[in-house]
Amino acid sequence: MKAAQDVILKPIITEKSMEGLQQGKYTFKVAKDANKIEIAHAAEELFGVKVAKVNTINCRGRAKRVGMSAGRQSDWKKAIITLAEGSKTIEFFDGMM
């Protein structure tokens, strides 16, 4: 089993992800090979919360150009973690609401 820090890589802070904070939904960039069970265990271990549900989305990397050279950013995976009803919030996001 992977370490929790290798599963959850970083939080995603956008307008849309901030709207989900009131419903207890937190958005993270996660390892591409992580499944929902590993993501839930990692969130519970790192933040000390109770996870109710995990939704995952595979995101394609954007096409980028620099002059004549064309390339793509790498693909990545996004996870939306919904906390259980009686669970506390994640402290990192508390100042952003």
PDB file of N, CA and C in Angstrom:
ATOM      1  N   MET A   1       0.838  -1.186   0.000  1.00  0.00           N
ATOM      2  CA  MET A   1       0.000   0.000   0.000  1.00  0.00           C
ATOM      3  C   MET A   1       0.876   1.240   0.000  1.00  0.00           C
ATOM      4  N   LYS A   2       0.440   2.266  -0.727  1.00  0.00           N
ATOM      5  CA  LYS A   2       1.205   3.496  -0.863  1.00  0.00           C
ATOM      6  C   LYS A   2       1.033   4.393   0.356  1.00  0.00           C
ATOM      7  N   ALA A   3       2.002   5.251   0.566  1.00  0.00           N
ATOM      8  CA  ALA A   3       1.900   6.238   1.638  1.00  0.00           C
ATOM      9  C   ALA A   3       0.851   7.275   1.256  1.00  0.00           C
ATOM     10  N   ALA A   4       0.230   7.873   2.256  1.00  0.00           N
ATOM     11  CA  ALA A   4      -0.847   8.842   2.020  1.00  0.00           C
ATOM     12  C   ALA A   4      -0.334  10.060   1.241  1.00  0.00           C
ATOM     13  N   GLN A   5       0.916  10.457   1.481  1.00  0.00           N
ATOM     14  CA  GLN A   5       1.479  11.606   0.779  1.00  0.00           C
ATOM     15  C   GLN A   5       1.719  11.309  -0.693  1.00  0.00           C
ATOM     16  N   ASP A   6       1.855  10.025  -1.065  1.00  0.00           N
ATOM     17  CA  ASP A   6       2.039   9.661  -2.465  1.00  0.00           C
ATOM     18  C   ASP A   6       0.708   9.553  -3.199  1.00  0.00           C
ATOM     19  N   VAL A   7      -0.392   9.457  -2.489  1.00  0.00           N
ATOM     20  CA  VAL A   7      -1.713   9.336  -3.109  1.00  0.00           C
ATOM     21  C   VAL A   7      -2.308  10.719  -3.347  1.00  0.00           C
ATOM     22  N   ILE A   8      -2.406  11.538  -2.309  1.00  0.00           N
ATOM     23  CA  ILE A   8      -2.942  12.902  -2.436  1.00  0.00           C
ATOM     24  C   ILE A   8      -1.767  13.836  -2.651  1.00  0.00           C
ATOM     25  N   LEU A   9      -1.716  14.470  -3.834  1.00  0.00           N
ATOM     26  CA  LEU A   9      -0.556  15.269  -4.201  1.00  0.00           C
ATOM     27  C   LEU A   9      -0.689  16.731  -3.795  1.00  0.00           C
ATOM     28  N   LYS A  10      -1.819  17.381  -4.139  1.00  0.00           N
ATOM     29  CA  LYS A  10      -1.997  18.786  -3.762  1.00  0.00           C
ATOM     30  C   LYS A  10      -3.465  19.169  -3.892  1.00  0.00           C
ATOM     31  N   PRO A  11      -3.893  20.215  -3.175  1.00  0.00           N
ATOM     32  CA  PRO A  11      -5.282  20.671  -3.299  1.00  0.00           C
ATOM     33  C   PRO A  11      -5.473  21.463  -4.589  1.00  0.00           C
ATOM     34  N   ILE A  12      -6.682  21.442  -5.109  1.00  0.00           N
ATOM     35  CA  ILE A  12      -7.039  22.244  -6.275  1.00  0.00           C
ATOM     36  C   ILE A  12      -7.899  23.399  -5.774  1.00  0.00           C
ATOM     37  N   ILE A  13      -7.423  24.617  -6.014  1.00  0.00           N
ATOM     38  CA  ILE A  13      -8.104  25.803  -5.506  1.00  0.00           C
ATOM     39  C   ILE A  13      -8.582  26.619  -6.703  1.00  0.00           C
ATOM     40  N   THR A  14      -9.867  26.471  -7.029  1.00  0.00           N
ATOM     41  CA  THR A  14     -10.510  27.224  -8.100  1.00  0.00           C
ATOM     42  C   THR A  14     -11.843  27.746  -7.573  1.00  0.00           C
ATOM     43  N   GLU A  15     -12.507  28.566  -8.367  1.00  0.00           N
ATOM     44  CA  GLU A  15     -13.808  29.078  -7.943  1.00  0.00           C
ATOM     45  C   GLU A  15     -14.805  27.940  -7.771  1.00  0.00           C
ATOM     46  N   LYS A  16     -14.797  27.002  -8.708  1.00  0.00           N
ATOM     47  CA  LYS A  16     -15.745  25.891  -8.645  1.00  0.00           C
ATOM     48  C   LYS A  16     -15.478  24.991  -7.438  1.00  0.00           C
ATOM     49  N   SER A  17     -14.191  24.726  -7.134  1.00  0.00           N
ATOM     50  CA  SER A  17     -13.892  23.865  -5.990  1.00  0.00           C
ATOM     51  C   SER A  17     -14.209  24.566  -4.666  1.00  0.00           C
ATOM     52  N   MET A  18     -14.117  25.892  -4.620  1.00  0.00           N
ATOM     53  CA  MET A  18     -14.441  26.627  -3.398  1.00  0.00           C
ATOM     54  C   MET A  18     -15.946  26.629  -3.136  1.00  0.00           C
ATOM     55  N   GLU A  19     -16.762  26.538  -4.188  1.00  0.00           N
ATOM     56  CA  GLU A  19     -18.216  26.473  -4.001  1.00  0.00           C
ATOM     57  C   GLU A  19     -18.632  25.176  -3.315  1.00  0.00           C
ATOM     58  N   GLY A  20     -17.858  24.107  -3.501  1.00  0.00           N
ATOM     59  CA  GLY A  20     -18.184  22.822  -2.903  1.00  0.00           C
ATOM     60  C   GLY A  20     -17.851  22.709  -1.432  1.00  0.00           C
ATOM     61  N   LEU A  21     -17.119  23.671  -0.885  1.00  0.00           N
ATOM     62  CA  LEU A  21     -16.725  23.601   0.522  1.00  0.00           C
ATOM     63  C   LEU A  21     -17.924  23.650   1.462  1.00  0.00           C
ATOM     64  N   GLN A  22     -18.979  24.374   1.091  1.00  0.00           N
ATOM     65  CA  GLN A  22     -20.153  24.454   1.955  1.00  0.00           C
ATOM     66  C   GLN A  22     -20.862  23.106   2.069  1.00  0.00           C
ATOM     67  N   GLN A  23     -20.771  22.267   1.037  1.00  0.00           N
ATOM     68  CA  GLN A  23     -21.382  20.934   1.068  1.00  0.00           C
ATOM     69  C   GLN A  23     -20.419  19.876   1.612  1.00  0.00           C
ATOM     70  N   GLY A  24     -19.224  20.278   2.036  1.00  0.00           N
ATOM     71  CA  GLY A  24     -18.248  19.329   2.562  1.00  0.00           C
ATOM     72  C   GLY A  24     -17.503  18.581   1.472  1.00  0.00           C
ATOM     73  N   LYS A  25     -17.349  19.194   0.283  1.00  0.00           N
ATOM     74  CA  LYS A  25     -16.644  18.574  -0.838  1.00  0.00           C
ATOM     75  C   LYS A  25     -15.303  19.273  -1.022  1.00  0.00           C
ATOM     76  N   TYR A  26     -14.229  18.488  -1.012  1.00  0.00           N
ATOM     77  CA  TYR A  26     -12.881  19.009  -1.149  1.00  0.00           C
ATOM     78  C   TYR A  26     -12.236  18.384  -2.383  1.00  0.00           C
ATOM     79  N   THR A  27     -11.520  19.184  -3.170  1.00  0.00           N
ATOM     80  CA  THR A  27     -10.956  18.738  -4.444  1.00  0.00           C
ATOM     81  C   THR A  27      -9.439  18.667  -4.337  1.00  0.00           C
ATOM     82  N   PHE A  28      -8.872  17.551  -4.810  1.00  0.00           N
ATOM     83  CA  PHE A  28      -7.433  17.323  -4.747  1.00  0.00           C
ATOM     84  C   PHE A  28      -6.923  16.738  -6.058  1.00  0.00           C
ATOM     85  N   LYS A  29      -5.658  17.024  -6.364  1.00  0.00           N
ATOM     86  CA  LYS A  29      -4.955  16.318  -7.426  1.00  0.00           C
ATOM     87  C   LYS A  29      -4.359  15.074  -6.779  1.00  0.00           C
ATOM     88  N   VAL A  30      -4.607  13.905  -7.393  1.00  0.00           N
ATOM     89  CA  VAL A  30      -4.169  12.643  -6.802  1.00  0.00           C
ATOM     90  C   VAL A  30      -3.302  11.882  -7.799  1.00  0.00           C
ATOM     91  N   ALA A  31      -2.659  10.826  -7.318  1.00  0.00           N
ATOM     92  CA  ALA A  31      -1.833   9.985  -8.175  1.00  0.00           C
ATOM     93  C   ALA A  31      -2.697   9.341  -9.248  1.00  0.00           C
ATOM     94  N   LYS A  32      -2.142   9.239 -10.449  1.00  0.00           N
ATOM     95  CA  LYS A  32      -2.923   8.732 -11.588  1.00  0.00           C
ATOM     96  C   LYS A  32      -3.356   7.286 -11.392  1.00  0.00           C
ATOM     97  N   ASP A  33      -2.576   6.497 -10.666  1.00  0.00           N
ATOM     98  CA  ASP A  33      -2.901   5.077 -10.481  1.00  0.00           C
ATOM     99  C   ASP A  33      -3.635   4.791  -9.175  1.00  0.00           C
ATOM    100  N   ALA A  34      -4.040   5.831  -8.447  1.00  0.00           N
ATOM    101  CA  ALA A  34      -4.745   5.638  -7.171  1.00  0.00           C
ATOM    102  C   ALA A  34      -6.218   5.345  -7.421  1.00  0.00           C
ATOM    103  N   ASN A  35      -6.788   4.427  -6.628  1.00  0.00           N
ATOM    104  CA  ASN A  35      -8.220   4.152  -6.745  1.00  0.00           C
ATOM    105  C   ASN A  35      -8.969   4.860  -5.611  1.00  0.00           C
ATOM    106  N   LYS A  36     -10.301   4.757  -5.628  1.00  0.00           N
ATOM    107  CA  LYS A  36     -11.128   5.495  -4.676  1.00  0.00           C
ATOM    108  C   LYS A  36     -10.886   5.055  -3.236  1.00  0.00           C
ATOM    109  N   ILE A  37     -10.647   3.780  -3.022  1.00  0.00           N
ATOM    110  CA  ILE A  37     -10.420   3.275  -1.668  1.00  0.00           C
ATOM    111  C   ILE A  37      -9.117   3.830  -1.107  1.00  0.00           C
ATOM    112  N   GLU A  38      -8.049   3.828  -1.926  1.00  0.00           N
ATOM    113  CA  GLU A  38      -6.770   4.388  -1.477  1.00  0.00           C
ATOM    114  C   GLU A  38      -6.889   5.881  -1.202  1.00  0.00           C
ATOM    115  N   ILE A  39      -7.647   6.595  -2.016  1.00  0.00           N
ATOM    116  CA  ILE A  39      -7.815   8.035  -1.824  1.00  0.00           C
ATOM    117  C   ILE A  39      -8.569   8.310  -0.518  1.00  0.00           C
ATOM    118  N   ALA A  40      -9.603   7.530  -0.227  1.00  0.00           N
ATOM    119  CA  ALA A  40     -10.362   7.710   1.011  1.00  0.00           C
ATOM    120  C   ALA A  40      -9.499   7.434   2.235  1.00  0.00           C
ATOM    121  N   HIS A  41      -8.719   6.344   2.208  1.00  0.00           N
ATOM    122  CA  HIS A  41      -7.836   6.027   3.338  1.00  0.00           C
ATOM    123  C   HIS A  41      -6.774   7.106   3.528  1.00  0.00           C
ATOM    124  N   ALA A  42      -6.229   7.639   2.431  1.00  0.00           N
ATOM    125  CA  ALA A  42      -5.204   8.674   2.526  1.00  0.00           C
ATOM    126  C   ALA A  42      -5.770   9.956   3.127  1.00  0.00           C
ATOM    127  N   ALA A  43      -6.982  10.344   2.742  1.00  0.00           N
ATOM    128  CA  ALA A  43      -7.602  11.558   3.285  1.00  0.00           C
ATOM    129  C   ALA A  43      -7.890  11.389   4.776  1.00  0.00           C
ATOM    130  N   GLU A  44      -8.366  10.213   5.170  1.00  0.00           N
ATOM    131  CA  GLU A  44      -8.645   9.975   6.586  1.00  0.00           C
ATOM    132  C   GLU A  44      -7.361   9.996   7.408  1.00  0.00           C
ATOM    133  N   GLU A  45      -6.277   9.471   6.846  1.00  0.00           N
ATOM    134  CA  GLU A  45      -5.003   9.444   7.571  1.00  0.00           C
ATOM    135  C   GLU A  45      -4.367  10.827   7.649  1.00  0.00           C
ATOM    136  N   LEU A  46      -4.362  11.567   6.543  1.00  0.00           N
ATOM    137  CA  LEU A  46      -3.693  12.866   6.514  1.00  0.00           C
ATOM    138  C   LEU A  46      -4.438  13.940   7.296  1.00  0.00           C
ATOM    139  N   PHE A  47      -5.761  13.993   7.154  1.00  0.00           N
ATOM    140  CA  PHE A  47      -6.527  15.098   7.707  1.00  0.00           C
ATOM    141  C   PHE A  47      -7.361  14.731   8.924  1.00  0.00           C
ATOM    142  N   GLY A  48      -7.463  13.454   9.280  1.00  0.00           N
ATOM    143  CA  GLY A  48      -8.221  13.045  10.448  1.00  0.00           C
ATOM    144  C   GLY A  48      -9.717  13.278  10.309  1.00  0.00           C
ATOM    145  N   VAL A  49     -10.253  13.023   9.127  1.00  0.00           N
ATOM    146  CA  VAL A  49     -11.684  13.217   8.857  1.00  0.00           C
ATOM    147  C   VAL A  49     -12.308  11.881   8.467  1.00  0.00           C
ATOM    148  N   LYS A  50     -13.631  11.836   8.416  1.00  0.00           N
ATOM    149  CA  LYS A  50     -14.370  10.654   7.985  1.00  0.00           C
ATOM    150  C   LYS A  50     -14.898  10.916   6.582  1.00  0.00           C
ATOM    151  N   VAL A  51     -14.492  10.075   5.620  1.00  0.00           N
ATOM    152  CA  VAL A  51     -14.876  10.260   4.221  1.00  0.00           C
ATOM    153  C   VAL A  51     -16.146   9.477   3.928  1.00  0.00           C
ATOM    154  N   ALA A  52     -17.130  10.149   3.311  1.00  0.00           N
ATOM    155  CA  ALA A  52     -18.379   9.490   2.936  1.00  0.00           C
ATOM    156  C   ALA A  52     -18.320   8.967   1.507  1.00  0.00           C
ATOM    157  N   LYS A  53     -17.724   9.743   0.588  1.00  0.00           N
ATOM    158  CA  LYS A  53     -17.746   9.392  -0.825  1.00  0.00           C
ATOM    159  C   LYS A  53     -16.553  10.008  -1.535  1.00  0.00           C
ATOM    160  N   VAL A  54     -16.068   9.319  -2.588  1.00  0.00           N
ATOM    161  CA  VAL A  54     -14.980   9.838  -3.413  1.00  0.00           C
ATOM    162  C   VAL A  54     -15.392   9.726  -4.875  1.00  0.00           C
ATOM    163  N   ASN A  55     -15.325  10.836  -5.590  1.00  0.00           N
ATOM    164  CA  ASN A  55     -15.533  10.849  -7.036  1.00  0.00           C
ATOM    165  C   ASN A  55     -14.207  11.179  -7.706  1.00  0.00           C
ATOM    166  N   THR A  56     -13.866  10.465  -8.785  1.00  0.00           N
ATOM    167  CA  THR A  56     -12.606  10.715  -9.480  1.00  0.00           C
ATOM    168  C   THR A  56     -12.862  11.073 -10.932  1.00  0.00           C
ATOM    169  N   ILE A  57     -11.973  11.898 -11.483  1.00  0.00           N
ATOM    170  CA  ILE A  57     -12.044  12.335 -12.870  1.00  0.00           C
ATOM    171  C   ILE A  57     -10.643  12.255 -13.452  1.00  0.00           C
ATOM    172  N   ASN A  58     -10.497  11.585 -14.605  1.00  0.00           N
ATOM    173  CA  ASN A  58      -9.236  11.590 -15.337  1.00  0.00           C
ATOM    174  C   ASN A  58      -9.233  12.796 -16.255  1.00  0.00           C
ATOM    175  N   CYS A  59      -8.239  13.682 -16.093  1.00  0.00           N
ATOM    176  CA  CYS A  59      -8.163  14.916 -16.861  1.00  0.00           C
ATOM    177  C   CYS A  59      -7.033  14.811 -17.888  1.00  0.00           C
ATOM    178  N   ARG A  60      -7.330  15.206 -19.106  1.00  0.00           N
ATOM    179  CA  ARG A  60      -6.311  15.208 -20.154  1.00  0.00           C
ATOM    180  C   ARG A  60      -5.459  16.450 -20.036  1.00  0.00           C
ATOM    181  N   GLY A  61      -4.168  16.318 -20.350  1.00  0.00           N
ATOM    182  CA  GLY A  61      -3.277  17.460 -20.346  1.00  0.00           C
ATOM    183  C   GLY A  61      -3.578  18.381 -21.510  1.00  0.00           C
ATOM    184  N   ARG A  62      -3.370  19.657 -21.313  1.00  0.00           N
ATOM    185  CA  ARG A  62      -3.662  20.641 -22.356  1.00  0.00           C
ATOM    186  C   ARG A  62      -2.591  20.634 -23.427  1.00  0.00           C
ATOM    187  N   ALA A  63      -2.971  20.988 -24.640  1.00  0.00           N
ATOM    188  CA  ALA A  63      -2.011  21.149 -25.726  1.00  0.00           C
ATOM    189  C   ALA A  63      -1.315  22.495 -25.558  1.00  0.00           C
ATOM    190  N   LYS A  64       0.000  22.509 -25.676  1.00  0.00           N
ATOM    191  CA  LYS A  64       0.778  23.733 -25.504  1.00  0.00           C
ATOM    192  C   LYS A  64       1.683  23.916 -26.715  1.00  0.00           C
ATOM    193  N   ARG A  65       1.954  25.173 -27.059  1.00  0.00           N
ATOM    194  CA  ARG A  65       2.865  25.482 -28.153  1.00  0.00           C
ATOM    195  C   ARG A  65       3.861  26.519 -27.692  1.00  0.00           C
ATOM    196  N   VAL A  66       5.110  26.363 -28.176  1.00  0.00           N
ATOM    197  CA  VAL A  66       6.126  27.382 -28.001  1.00  0.00           C
ATOM    198  C   VAL A  66       6.772  27.545 -29.374  1.00  0.00           C
ATOM    199  N   GLY A  67       6.356  28.573 -30.092  1.00  0.00           N
ATOM    200  CA  GLY A  67       6.854  28.765 -31.451  1.00  0.00           C
ATOM    201  C   GLY A  67       6.387  27.637 -32.357  1.00  0.00           C
ATOM    202  N   MET A  68       7.335  26.972 -33.022  1.00  0.00           N
ATOM    203  CA  MET A  68       7.001  25.863 -33.925  1.00  0.00           C
ATOM    204  C   MET A  68       6.792  24.561 -33.164  1.00  0.00           C
ATOM    205  N   SER A  69       7.292  24.479 -31.956  1.00  0.00           N
ATOM    206  CA  SER A  69       7.216  23.229 -31.190  1.00  0.00           C
ATOM    207  C   SER A  69       5.839  23.086 -30.560  1.00  0.00           C
ATOM    208  N   ALA A  70       5.250  21.917 -30.723  1.00  0.00           N
ATOM    209  CA  ALA A  70       3.951  21.631 -30.121  1.00  0.00           C
ATOM    210  C   ALA A  70       4.111  20.451 -29.174  1.00  0.00           C
ATOM    211  N   GLY A  71       3.411  20.475 -28.078  1.00  0.00           N
ATOM    212  CA  GLY A  71       3.495  19.388 -27.107  1.00  0.00           C
ATOM    213  C   GLY A  71       2.236  19.366 -26.264  1.00  0.00           C
ATOM    214  N   ARG A  72       2.267  18.514 -25.254  1.00  0.00           N
ATOM    215  CA  ARG A  72       1.121  18.393 -24.348  1.00  0.00           C
ATOM    216  C   ARG A  72       1.612  18.321 -22.919  1.00  0.00           C
ATOM    217  N   GLN A  73       0.827  18.873 -22.021  1.00  0.00           N
ATOM    218  CA  GLN A  73       1.081  18.674 -20.608  1.00  0.00           C
ATOM    219  C   GLN A  73       0.647  17.255 -20.254  1.00  0.00           C
ATOM    220  N   SER A  74       1.166  16.720 -19.185  1.00  0.00           N
ATOM    221  CA  SER A  74       0.850  15.344 -18.830  1.00  0.00           C
ATOM    222  C   SER A  74      -0.577  15.230 -18.289  1.00  0.00           C
ATOM    223  N   ASP A  75      -1.171  14.047 -18.472  1.00  0.00           N
ATOM    224  CA  ASP A  75      -2.500  13.767 -17.955  1.00  0.00           C
ATOM    225  C   ASP A  75      -2.432  13.658 -16.429  1.00  0.00           C
ATOM    226  N   TRP A  76      -3.563  13.904 -15.756  1.00  0.00           N
ATOM    227  CA  TRP A  76      -3.599  13.842 -14.296  1.00  0.00           C
ATOM    228  C   TRP A  76      -4.981  13.424 -13.845  1.00  0.00           C
ATOM    229  N   LYS A  77      -5.102  13.153 -12.557  1.00  0.00           N
ATOM    230  CA  LYS A  77      -6.360  12.679 -11.982  1.00  0.00           C
ATOM    231  C   LYS A  77      -6.799  13.616 -10.871  1.00  0.00           C
ATOM    232  N   LYS A  78      -8.111  13.910 -10.848  1.00  0.00           N
ATOM    233  CA  LYS A  78      -8.699  14.790  -9.839  1.00  0.00           C
ATOM    234  C   LYS A  78      -9.671  13.974  -9.000  1.00  0.00           C
ATOM    235  N   ALA A  79      -9.681  14.217  -7.696  1.00  0.00           N
ATOM    236  CA  ALA A  79     -10.604  13.530  -6.796  1.00  0.00           C
ATOM    237  C   ALA A  79     -11.401  14.568  -6.015  1.00  0.00           C
ATOM    238  N   ILE A  80     -12.718  14.349  -5.958  1.00  0.00           N
ATOM    239  CA  ILE A  80     -13.595  15.190  -5.138  1.00  0.00           C
ATOM    240  C   ILE A  80     -14.021  14.335  -3.950  1.00  0.00           C
ATOM    241  N   ILE A  81     -13.571  14.725  -2.767  1.00  0.00           N
ATOM    242  CA  ILE A  81     -13.804  13.964  -1.548  1.00  0.00           C
ATOM    243  C   ILE A  81     -14.943  14.614  -0.776  1.00  0.00           C
ATOM    244  N   THR A  82     -16.001  13.834  -0.518  1.00  0.00           N
ATOM    245  CA  THR A  82     -17.138  14.314   0.265  1.00  0.00           C
ATOM    246  C   THR A  82     -17.005  13.767   1.679  1.00  0.00           C
ATOM    247  N   LEU A  83     -17.043  14.653   2.654  1.00  0.00           N
ATOM    248  CA  LEU A  83     -16.893  14.237   4.053  1.00  0.00           C
ATOM    249  C   LEU A  83     -18.223  13.771   4.617  1.00  0.00           C
ATOM    250  N   ALA A  84     -18.153  12.921   5.636  1.00  0.00           N
ATOM    251  CA  ALA A  84     -19.360  12.427   6.308  1.00  0.00           C
ATOM    252  C   ALA A  84     -20.021  13.573   7.071  1.00  0.00           C
ATOM    253  N   GLU A  85     -21.277  13.371   7.418  1.00  0.00           N
ATOM    254  CA  GLU A  85     -22.105  14.412   8.025  1.00  0.00           C
ATOM    255  C   GLU A  85     -21.505  14.970   9.314  1.00  0.00           C
ATOM    256  N   GLY A  86     -21.077  14.144  10.240  1.00  0.00           N
ATOM    257  CA  GLY A  86     -20.576  14.622  11.523  1.00  0.00           C
ATOM    258  C   GLY A  86     -19.084  14.893  11.551  1.00  0.00           C
ATOM    259  N   SER A  87     -18.414  14.820  10.435  1.00  0.00           N
ATOM    260  CA  SER A  87     -16.962  14.965  10.384  1.00  0.00           C
ATOM    261  C   SER A  87     -16.557  16.425  10.484  1.00  0.00           C
ATOM    262  N   LYS A  88     -15.367  16.658  11.010  1.00  0.00           N
ATOM    263  CA  LYS A  88     -14.847  18.023  11.088  1.00  0.00           C
ATOM    264  C   LYS A  88     -14.325  18.437   9.714  1.00  0.00           C
ATOM    265  N   THR A  89     -14.019  19.719   9.555  1.00  0.00           N
ATOM    266  CA  THR A  89     -13.517  20.219   8.282  1.00  0.00           C
ATOM    267  C   THR A  89     -12.009  20.049   8.193  1.00  0.00           C
ATOM    268  N   ILE A  90     -11.475  20.243   7.003  1.00  0.00           N
ATOM    269  CA  ILE A  90     -10.022  20.187   6.792  1.00  0.00           C
ATOM    270  C   ILE A  90      -9.484  21.594   7.061  1.00  0.00           C
ATOM    271  N   GLU A  91      -8.528  21.716   7.973  1.00  0.00           N
ATOM    272  CA  GLU A  91      -8.069  23.022   8.454  1.00  0.00           C
ATOM    273  C   GLU A  91      -7.460  23.866   7.349  1.00  0.00           C
ATOM    274  N   PHE A  92      -6.822  23.236   6.351  1.00  0.00           N
ATOM    275  CA  PHE A  92      -6.158  23.978   5.284  1.00  0.00           C
ATOM    276  C   PHE A  92      -7.152  24.884   4.542  1.00  0.00           C
ATOM    277  N   PHE A  93      -8.388  24.429   4.372  1.00  0.00           N
ATOM    278  CA  PHE A  93      -9.381  25.167   3.609  1.00  0.00           C
ATOM    279  C   PHE A  93     -10.194  26.135   4.456  1.00  0.00           C
ATOM    280  N   ASP A  94     -10.040  26.129   5.775  1.00  0.00           N
ATOM    281  CA  ASP A  94     -10.894  26.939   6.639  1.00  0.00           C
ATOM    282  C   ASP A  94     -10.786  28.441   6.363  1.00  0.00           C
ATOM    283  N   GLY A  95      -9.601  28.935   6.092  1.00  0.00           N
ATOM    284  CA  GLY A  95      -9.426  30.372   5.857  1.00  0.00           C
ATOM    285  C   GLY A  95      -9.855  30.824   4.480  1.00  0.00           C
ATOM    286  N   MET A  96     -10.225  29.904   3.610  1.00  0.00           N
ATOM    287  CA  MET A  96     -10.553  30.263   2.229  1.00  0.00           C
ATOM    288  C   MET A  96     -12.038  30.457   1.989  1.00  0.00           C
ATOM    289  N   MET A  97     -12.872  30.108   2.947  1.00  0.00           N
ATOM    290  CA  MET A  97     -14.321  30.233   2.742  1.00  0.00           C
ATOM    291  C   MET A  97     -14.786  31.645   2.916  1.00  0.00           C
TER     292      MET A  97
END
